[in-house]
Amino acid sequence: MVALTPWPATLRRHCELSLRALGVGTIDLYHLHRPDPMVPIEESVGALAELRQAGKIGEIGVSNVDLIQLCAAERVAPITSAQNRFSLFDQAGRDVLDHCTADGIAFLAYSPLRGVPSPALARVLGATAEAHQVTTAHIALAWLLASPPW
């Protein structure tokens, strides 16, 4: 039988490895990239808060969280940033973005071109891109940059 390392201990070990690999004493922003579904997010963020208190990390970020997880994380430590999938075509996490905007948390959109537009949206994007002599990707990124809070 394989013994599993508890997730908070794994986070601490990964942070130590990153510090050594980067050759720094402090990592300015450390992200919990994906909450472990078997571990309450409060425990994981608690481990990151301990690393921050020890001076090993400066700020705490979270990724791939829903609104309930984000709020739970905020009850443990200040959260500087949240990184979730978000695009013109995939706005399932709008509630997280809205919460981040209201609480002053930086929202980092990843996969900003992910998703498939509806046929009607594809036609509008195509026509807009053609009129401006750019690609539909340019239009989708411009929409993202024009969206609150950025």
Protein backbone atom coordinates (compact mmCIF):
# COMPACT_ATOMS: atom_id res chain seq x y z
CA MET A 1 0.00 0.00 0.00
CA VAL A 2 1.30 3.48 -0.93
CA ALA A 3 1.16 6.13 1.78
CA LEU A 4 -0.21 9.41 0.48
CA THR A 5 1.33 12.67 1.64
CA PRO A 6 -1.28 15.03 3.09
CA TRP A 7 -1.96 17.89 0.66
CA PRO A 8 -0.84 20.75 2.96
CA ALA A 9 2.50 18.94 3.48
CA THR A 10 2.79 18.53 -0.29
CA LEU A 11 2.19 22.27 -0.78
CA ARG A 12 4.95 23.08 1.70
CA ARG A 13 7.34 20.64 -0.01
CA HIS A 14 6.54 22.04 -3.47
CA CYS A 15 7.12 25.57 -2.21
CA GLU A 16 10.54 24.57 -0.84
CA LEU A 17 11.41 22.96 -4.18
CA SER A 18 10.32 26.08 -6.06
CA LEU A 19 12.36 28.35 -3.77
CA ARG A 20 15.47 26.25 -4.42
CA ALA A 21 14.85 26.00 -8.17
CA LEU A 22 14.33 29.76 -8.45
CA GLY A 23 17.22 30.56 -6.13
CA VAL A 24 15.14 33.02 -4.11
CA GLY A 25 14.19 33.40 -0.48
CA THR A 26 10.59 34.44 -1.17
CA ILE A 27 8.13 33.75 -3.97
CA ASP A 28 6.14 36.94 -4.53
CA LEU A 29 2.87 35.24 -5.52
CA TYR A 30 2.18 31.56 -4.92
CA HIS A 31 -0.91 30.00 -6.49
CA LEU A 32 -2.83 26.98 -5.32
CA HIS A 33 -3.35 25.72 -8.86
CA ARG A 34 -6.12 23.24 -8.23
CA PRO A 35 -7.84 22.53 -4.93
CA ASP A 36 -7.65 18.88 -3.91
CA PRO A 37 -11.25 17.62 -3.80
CA MET A 38 -10.30 15.35 -0.88
CA VAL A 39 -8.94 18.22 1.27
CA PRO A 40 -10.94 21.23 2.47
CA ILE A 41 -9.59 24.34 0.75
CA GLU A 42 -9.26 25.93 4.18
CA GLU A 43 -6.50 23.43 5.02
CA SER A 44 -4.60 24.10 1.80
CA VAL A 45 -4.87 27.87 2.11
CA GLY A 46 -3.94 27.52 5.80
CA ALA A 47 -0.68 25.85 4.74
CA LEU A 48 -0.05 28.73 2.31
CA ALA A 49 -0.80 31.24 5.09
CA GLU A 50 1.84 29.51 7.23
CA LEU A 51 4.33 29.80 4.35
CA ARG A 52 3.51 33.48 4.05
CA GLN A 53 3.95 34.01 7.78
CA ALA A 54 7.34 32.26 7.52
CA GLY A 55 8.33 34.69 4.75
CA LYS A 56 8.56 32.01 2.05
CA ILE A 57 5.74 33.48 -0.04
CA GLY A 58 4.52 37.05 -0.34
CA GLU A 59 0.95 36.72 -1.57
CA ILE A 60 -1.55 33.89 -1.98
CA GLY A 61 -3.47 33.15 -5.16
CA VAL A 62 -5.95 30.44 -6.07
CA SER A 63 -6.84 28.85 -9.39
CA ASN A 64 -9.71 26.73 -10.67
CA VAL A 65 -11.99 27.63 -7.78
CA ASP A 66 -15.71 28.14 -7.64
CA LEU A 67 -17.27 30.96 -5.64
CA ILE A 68 -17.82 28.83 -2.53
CA GLN A 69 -14.17 27.76 -2.51
CA LEU A 70 -12.96 31.32 -3.07
CA CYS A 71 -15.04 32.63 -0.17
CA ALA A 72 -13.80 29.80 2.07
CA ALA A 73 -10.20 30.60 1.12
CA GLU A 74 -10.75 34.29 1.93
CA ARG A 75 -11.89 33.38 5.44
CA VAL A 76 -8.47 31.79 6.06
CA ALA A 77 -6.13 34.36 4.48
CA PRO A 78 -6.19 37.36 2.17
CA ILE A 79 -6.35 36.21 -1.46
CA THR A 80 -4.50 38.41 -3.94
CA SER A 81 -5.53 36.74 -7.19
CA ALA A 82 -7.82 34.14 -8.67
CA GLN A 83 -7.04 32.45 -11.97
CA ASN A 84 -9.93 30.73 -13.71
CA ARG A 85 -10.93 29.86 -17.24
CA PHE A 86 -12.85 32.76 -18.78
CA SER A 87 -13.46 33.93 -22.32
CA LEU A 88 -16.01 35.44 -24.65
CA PHE A 89 -17.16 31.88 -25.31
CA ASP A 90 -16.89 30.44 -21.77
CA GLN A 91 -18.30 32.64 -19.02
CA ALA A 92 -19.34 29.91 -16.59
CA GLY A 93 -17.18 31.49 -13.87
CA ARG A 94 -18.68 34.98 -14.12
CA ASP A 95 -19.69 34.83 -10.43
CA VAL A 96 -16.04 34.40 -9.42
CA LEU A 97 -14.99 37.31 -11.65
CA ASP A 98 -17.75 39.50 -10.21
CA HIS A 99 -16.72 38.59 -6.64
CA CYS A 100 -13.07 39.35 -7.42
CA THR A 101 -14.05 42.71 -8.87
CA ALA A 102 -16.09 43.58 -5.77
CA ASP A 103 -13.37 42.44 -3.34
CA GLY A 104 -10.37 43.92 -5.17
CA ILE A 105 -8.90 40.52 -6.06
CA ALA A 106 -6.98 40.38 -9.33
CA PHE A 107 -8.72 38.03 -11.77
CA LEU A 108 -6.45 36.24 -14.23
CA ALA A 109 -8.31 34.74 -17.18
CA TYR A 110 -6.74 31.65 -18.66
CA SER A 111 -7.70 30.00 -21.94
CA PRO A 112 -9.06 33.34 -23.18
CA LEU A 113 -9.81 31.85 -26.60
CA ARG A 114 -11.36 28.62 -25.36
CA GLY A 115 -14.85 27.68 -26.36
CA VAL A 116 -16.93 27.56 -29.48
CA PRO A 117 -19.09 30.51 -30.42
CA SER A 118 -22.68 30.01 -31.41
CA PRO A 119 -23.28 30.30 -35.17
CA ALA A 120 -24.78 33.77 -34.70
CA LEU A 121 -21.82 34.97 -32.62
CA ALA A 122 -19.38 33.43 -35.10
CA ARG A 123 -21.00 35.46 -37.90
CA VAL A 124 -20.78 38.70 -35.89
CA LEU A 125 -17.18 37.98 -34.90
CA GLY A 126 -16.25 37.19 -38.49
CA ALA A 127 -17.84 40.36 -39.82
CA THR A 128 -16.28 42.51 -37.10
CA ALA A 129 -12.86 40.96 -37.65
CA GLU A 130 -13.12 41.47 -41.39
CA ALA A 131 -14.18 45.11 -40.98
CA HIS A 132 -11.16 45.80 -38.78
CA GLN A 133 -8.78 43.60 -40.79
CA VAL A 134 -7.92 41.43 -37.78
CA THR A 135 -8.65 37.86 -36.74
CA THR A 136 -11.58 36.70 -34.64
CA ALA A 137 -9.02 35.91 -31.92
CA HIS A 138 -8.11 39.60 -31.84
CA ILE A 139 -11.77 40.50 -31.36
CA ALA A 140 -12.24 37.93 -28.58
CA LEU A 141 -9.14 39.21 -26.75
CA ALA A 142 -10.22 42.82 -27.20
CA TRP A 143 -13.60 41.92 -25.67
CA LEU A 144 -11.84 40.33 -22.70
CA LEU A 145 -9.59 43.35 -22.16
CA ALA A 146 -12.58 45.71 -22.38
CA SER A 147 -14.55 43.68 -19.80
CA PRO A 148 -14.51 44.74 -16.15
CA PRO A 149 -12.40 44.74 -14.06
CA TRP A 150 -9.50 45.21 -16.44
